[in-house]
Amino acid sequence: MTTYAPETLRSEIAYIAYHFHWPHGELLDLDHVERRAYLGQISTINQRLSERG
């Protein structure tokens, strides 16, 4: 089992919570792969929005 630095996990959870407003417990229940997928999707959305100006 791989563990992640608490700062990294906290940062990832904060990023998703900021954009999706999901409860803390729900975010902690996400496995690493699923959490990373949401991070990637949010990043893609933000990039598209910033390109629109």
PDB file of N, CA and C in Angstrom:
ATOM      1  N   MET A   1       0.846  -1.181   0.000  1.00  0.00           N
ATOM      2  CA  MET A   1       0.000   0.000   0.000  1.00  0.00           C
ATOM      3  C   MET A   1       0.885   1.235   0.000  1.00  0.00           C
ATOM      4  N   THR A   2       0.578   2.157  -0.875  1.00  0.00           N
ATOM      5  CA  THR A   2       1.332   3.395  -0.980  1.00  0.00           C
ATOM      6  C   THR A   2       0.621   4.479  -0.180  1.00  0.00           C
ATOM      7  N   THR A   3       1.382   5.264   0.544  1.00  0.00           N
ATOM      8  CA  THR A   3       0.818   6.406   1.251  1.00  0.00           C
ATOM      9  C   THR A   3       1.356   7.678   0.619  1.00  0.00           C
ATOM     10  N   TYR A   4       0.628   8.752   0.789  1.00  0.00           N
ATOM     11  CA  TYR A   4       1.001  10.018   0.187  1.00  0.00           C
ATOM     12  C   TYR A   4       1.234  11.048   1.275  1.00  0.00           C
ATOM     13  N   ALA A   5       2.090  11.981   0.990  1.00  0.00           N
ATOM     14  CA  ALA A   5       2.400  13.031   1.957  1.00  0.00           C
ATOM     15  C   ALA A   5       1.111  13.764   2.338  1.00  0.00           C
ATOM     16  N   PRO A   6       0.931  14.011   3.612  1.00  0.00           N
ATOM     17  CA  PRO A   6      -0.291  14.693   4.044  1.00  0.00           C
ATOM     18  C   PRO A   6      -0.510  16.037   3.344  1.00  0.00           C
ATOM     19  N   GLU A   7       0.565  16.760   3.069  1.00  0.00           N
ATOM     20  CA  GLU A   7       0.437  18.053   2.386  1.00  0.00           C
ATOM     21  C   GLU A   7      -0.132  17.877   0.980  1.00  0.00           C
ATOM     22  N   THR A   8       0.309  16.825   0.290  1.00  0.00           N
ATOM     23  CA  THR A   8      -0.175  16.556  -1.064  1.00  0.00           C
ATOM     24  C   THR A   8      -1.649  16.187  -1.039  1.00  0.00           C
ATOM     25  N   LEU A   9      -2.012  15.298  -0.150  1.00  0.00           N
ATOM     26  CA  LEU A   9      -3.410  14.889  -0.031  1.00  0.00           C
ATOM     27  C   LEU A   9      -4.283  16.090   0.332  1.00  0.00           C
ATOM     28  N   ARG A  10      -3.835  16.891   1.280  1.00  0.00           N
ATOM     29  CA  ARG A  10      -4.579  18.082   1.692  1.00  0.00           C
ATOM     30  C   ARG A  10      -4.761  19.045   0.521  1.00  0.00           C
ATOM     31  N   SER A  11      -3.721  19.235  -0.254  1.00  0.00           N
ATOM     32  CA  SER A  11      -3.775  20.132  -1.401  1.00  0.00           C
ATOM     33  C   SER A  11      -4.755  19.622  -2.464  1.00  0.00           C
ATOM     34  N   GLU A  12      -4.705  18.332  -2.739  1.00  0.00           N
ATOM     35  CA  GLU A  12      -5.605  17.743  -3.730  1.00  0.00           C
ATOM     36  C   GLU A  12      -7.055  17.851  -3.278  1.00  0.00           C
ATOM     37  N   ILE A  13      -7.307  17.570  -2.010  1.00  0.00           N
ATOM     38  CA  ILE A  13      -8.662  17.639  -1.478  1.00  0.00           C
ATOM     39  C   ILE A  13      -9.176  19.079  -1.500  1.00  0.00           C
ATOM     40  N   ALA A  14      -8.323  20.025  -1.141  1.00  0.00           N
ATOM     41  CA  ALA A  14      -8.723  21.433  -1.151  1.00  0.00           C
ATOM     42  C   ALA A  14      -9.076  21.887  -2.562  1.00  0.00           C
ATOM     43  N   TYR A  15      -8.313  21.454  -3.533  1.00  0.00           N
ATOM     44  CA  TYR A  15      -8.544  21.829  -4.934  1.00  0.00           C
ATOM     45  C   TYR A  15      -9.899  21.322  -5.410  1.00  0.00           C
ATOM     46  N   ILE A  16     -10.200  20.072  -5.124  1.00  0.00           N
ATOM     47  CA  ILE A  16     -11.482  19.495  -5.529  1.00  0.00           C
ATOM     48  C   ILE A  16     -12.616  20.147  -4.740  1.00  0.00           C
ATOM     49  N   ALA A  17     -12.443  20.325  -3.438  1.00  0.00           N
ATOM     50  CA  ALA A  17     -13.478  20.937  -2.602  1.00  0.00           C
ATOM     51  C   ALA A  17     -13.792  22.352  -3.083  1.00  0.00           C
ATOM     52  N   TYR A  18     -12.778  23.099  -3.456  1.00  0.00           N
ATOM     53  CA  TYR A  18     -12.968  24.472  -3.928  1.00  0.00           C
ATOM     54  C   TYR A  18     -13.853  24.499  -5.176  1.00  0.00           C
ATOM     55  N   HIS A  19     -13.623  23.582  -6.082  1.00  0.00           N
ATOM     56  CA  HIS A  19     -14.347  23.587  -7.347  1.00  0.00           C
ATOM     57  C   HIS A  19     -15.689  22.867  -7.289  1.00  0.00           C
ATOM     58  N   PHE A  20     -15.773  21.788  -6.538  1.00  0.00           N
ATOM     59  CA  PHE A  20     -16.995  20.984  -6.520  1.00  0.00           C
ATOM     60  C   PHE A  20     -17.827  21.158  -5.257  1.00  0.00           C
ATOM     61  N   HIS A  21     -17.255  21.725  -4.212  1.00  0.00           N
ATOM     62  CA  HIS A  21     -17.964  21.938  -2.941  1.00  0.00           C
ATOM     63  C   HIS A  21     -18.455  20.632  -2.331  1.00  0.00           C
ATOM     64  N   TRP A  22     -17.670  19.587  -2.481  1.00  0.00           N
ATOM     65  CA  TRP A  22     -18.015  18.288  -1.897  1.00  0.00           C
ATOM     66  C   TRP A  22     -17.595  18.259  -0.438  1.00  0.00           C
ATOM     67  N   PRO A  23     -18.307  17.498   0.386  1.00  0.00           N
ATOM     68  CA  PRO A  23     -17.935  17.385   1.799  1.00  0.00           C
ATOM     69  C   PRO A  23     -16.585  16.689   1.977  1.00  0.00           C
ATOM     70  N   HIS A  24     -15.900  17.058   3.048  1.00  0.00           N
ATOM     71  CA  HIS A  24     -14.567  16.540   3.360  1.00  0.00           C
ATOM     72  C   HIS A  24     -14.542  15.013   3.389  1.00  0.00           C
ATOM     73  N   GLY A  25     -15.511  14.409   4.065  1.00  0.00           N
ATOM     74  CA  GLY A  25     -15.547  12.944   4.177  1.00  0.00           C
ATOM     75  C   GLY A  25     -15.677  12.256   2.836  1.00  0.00           C
ATOM     76  N   GLU A  26     -16.473  12.838   1.957  1.00  0.00           N
ATOM     77  CA  GLU A  26     -16.649  12.264   0.622  1.00  0.00           C
ATOM     78  C   GLU A  26     -15.340  12.315  -0.169  1.00  0.00           C
ATOM     79  N   LEU A  27     -14.619  13.401  -0.017  1.00  0.00           N
ATOM     80  CA  LEU A  27     -13.338  13.540  -0.711  1.00  0.00           C
ATOM     81  C   LEU A  27     -12.303  12.558  -0.173  1.00  0.00           C
ATOM     82  N   LEU A  28     -12.317  12.345   1.126  1.00  0.00           N
ATOM     83  CA  LEU A  28     -11.374  11.392   1.707  1.00  0.00           C
ATOM     84  C   LEU A  28     -11.669   9.960   1.276  1.00  0.00           C
ATOM     85  N   ASP A  29     -12.913   9.683   0.917  1.00  0.00           N
ATOM     86  CA  ASP A  29     -13.292   8.341   0.479  1.00  0.00           C
ATOM     87  C   ASP A  29     -12.833   8.019  -0.948  1.00  0.00           C
ATOM     88  N   LEU A  30     -12.442   9.047  -1.717  1.00  0.00           N
ATOM     89  CA  LEU A  30     -11.979   8.804  -3.081  1.00  0.00           C
ATOM     90  C   LEU A  30     -10.642   8.067  -3.040  1.00  0.00           C
ATOM     91  N   ASP A  31     -10.492   7.071  -3.913  1.00  0.00           N
ATOM     92  CA  ASP A  31      -9.176   6.442  -3.985  1.00  0.00           C
ATOM     93  C   ASP A  31      -8.260   7.335  -4.822  1.00  0.00           C
ATOM     94  N   HIS A  32      -6.986   7.052  -4.773  1.00  0.00           N
ATOM     95  CA  HIS A  32      -5.984   7.902  -5.413  1.00  0.00           C
ATOM     96  C   HIS A  32      -6.253   8.101  -6.911  1.00  0.00           C
ATOM     97  N   VAL A  33      -6.545   7.025  -7.612  1.00  0.00           N
ATOM     98  CA  VAL A  33      -6.756   7.110  -9.059  1.00  0.00           C
ATOM     99  C   VAL A  33      -7.965   7.984  -9.374  1.00  0.00           C
ATOM    100  N   GLU A  34      -9.041   7.790  -8.641  1.00  0.00           N
ATOM    101  CA  GLU A  34     -10.252   8.580  -8.870  1.00  0.00           C
ATOM    102  C   GLU A  34     -10.011  10.053  -8.530  1.00  0.00           C
ATOM    103  N   ARG A  35      -9.329  10.311  -7.403  1.00  0.00           N
ATOM    104  CA  ARG A  35      -9.021  11.688  -7.011  1.00  0.00           C
ATOM    105  C   ARG A  35      -8.170  12.375  -8.072  1.00  0.00           C
ATOM    106  N   ARG A  36      -7.166  11.671  -8.584  1.00  0.00           N
ATOM    107  CA  ARG A  36      -6.306  12.243  -9.627  1.00  0.00           C
ATOM    108  C   ARG A  36      -7.086  12.502 -10.920  1.00  0.00           C
ATOM    109  N   ALA A  37      -8.043  11.655 -11.228  1.00  0.00           N
ATOM    110  CA  ALA A  37      -8.870  11.864 -12.422  1.00  0.00           C
ATOM    111  C   ALA A  37      -9.679  13.158 -12.288  1.00  0.00           C
ATOM    112  N   TYR A  38     -10.255  13.385 -11.115  1.00  0.00           N
ATOM    113  CA  TYR A  38     -10.994  14.631 -10.900  1.00  0.00           C
ATOM    114  C   TYR A  38     -10.065  15.842 -10.974  1.00  0.00           C
ATOM    115  N   LEU A  39      -8.873  15.737 -10.419  1.00  0.00           N
ATOM    116  CA  LEU A  39      -7.915  16.839 -10.506  1.00  0.00           C
ATOM    117  C   LEU A  39      -7.606  17.181 -11.957  1.00  0.00           C
ATOM    118  N   GLY A  40      -7.415  16.151 -12.763  1.00  0.00           N
ATOM    119  CA  GLY A  40      -7.122  16.363 -14.179  1.00  0.00           C
ATOM    120  C   GLY A  40      -8.277  17.020 -14.913  1.00  0.00           C
ATOM    121  N   GLN A  41      -9.493  16.584 -14.611  1.00  0.00           N
ATOM    122  CA  GLN A  41     -10.663  17.168 -15.266  1.00  0.00           C
ATOM    123  C   GLN A  41     -10.864  18.627 -14.867  1.00  0.00           C
ATOM    124  N   ILE A  42     -10.705  18.923 -13.595  1.00  0.00           N
ATOM    125  CA  ILE A  42     -10.836  20.308 -13.140  1.00  0.00           C
ATOM    126  C   ILE A  42      -9.776  21.181 -13.810  1.00  0.00           C
ATOM    127  N   SER A  43      -8.568  20.674 -13.898  1.00  0.00           N
ATOM    128  CA  SER A  43      -7.489  21.411 -14.539  1.00  0.00           C
ATOM    129  C   SER A  43      -7.807  21.698 -16.009  1.00  0.00           C
ATOM    130  N   THR A  44      -8.342  20.702 -16.692  1.00  0.00           N
ATOM    131  CA  THR A  44      -8.720  20.869 -18.101  1.00  0.00           C
ATOM    132  C   THR A  44      -9.809  21.926 -18.255  1.00  0.00           C
ATOM    133  N   ILE A  45     -10.803  21.875 -17.392  1.00  0.00           N
ATOM    134  CA  ILE A  45     -11.888  22.866 -17.431  1.00  0.00           C
ATOM    135  C   ILE A  45     -11.321  24.265 -17.197  1.00  0.00           C
ATOM    136  N   ASN A  46     -10.467  24.414 -16.182  1.00  0.00           N
ATOM    137  CA  ASN A  46      -9.880  25.721 -15.890  1.00  0.00           C
ATOM    138  C   ASN A  46      -9.045  26.239 -17.049  1.00  0.00           C
ATOM    139  N   GLN A  47      -8.310  25.343 -17.680  1.00  0.00           N
ATOM    140  CA  GLN A  47      -7.480  25.770 -18.811  1.00  0.00           C
ATOM    141  C   GLN A  47      -8.354  26.252 -19.966  1.00  0.00           C
ATOM    142  N   ARG A  48      -9.418  25.529 -20.273  1.00  0.00           N
ATOM    143  CA  ARG A  48     -10.335  25.943 -21.350  1.00  0.00           C
ATOM    144  C   ARG A  48     -10.968  27.301 -21.044  1.00  0.00           C
ATOM    145  N   LEU A  49     -11.377  27.486 -19.802  1.00  0.00           N
ATOM    146  CA  LEU A  49     -11.991  28.763 -19.423  1.00  0.00           C
ATOM    147  C   LEU A  49     -11.010  29.922 -19.532  1.00  0.00           C
ATOM    148  N   SER A  50      -9.760  29.685 -19.145  1.00  0.00           N
ATOM    149  CA  SER A  50      -8.773  30.761 -19.212  1.00  0.00           C
ATOM    150  C   SER A  50      -8.393  31.092 -20.651  1.00  0.00           C
ATOM    151  N   GLU A  51      -8.486  30.110 -21.545  1.00  0.00           N
ATOM    152  CA  GLU A  51      -8.181  30.366 -22.957  1.00  0.00           C
ATOM    153  C   GLU A  51      -9.268  31.207 -23.625  1.00  0.00           C
ATOM    154  N   ARG A  52     -10.468  31.127 -23.107  1.00  0.00           N
ATOM    155  CA  ARG A  52     -11.585  31.920 -23.658  1.00  0.00           C
ATOM    156  C   ARG A  52     -11.411  33.393 -23.348  1.00  0.00           C
ATOM    157  N   GLY A  53     -10.715  33.669 -22.248  1.00  0.00           N
ATOM    158  CA  GLY A  53     -10.434  35.040 -21.868  1.00  0.00           C
ATOM    159  C   GLY A  53     -11.532  35.649 -21.166  1.00  0.00           C
TER     160      GLY A  53
END
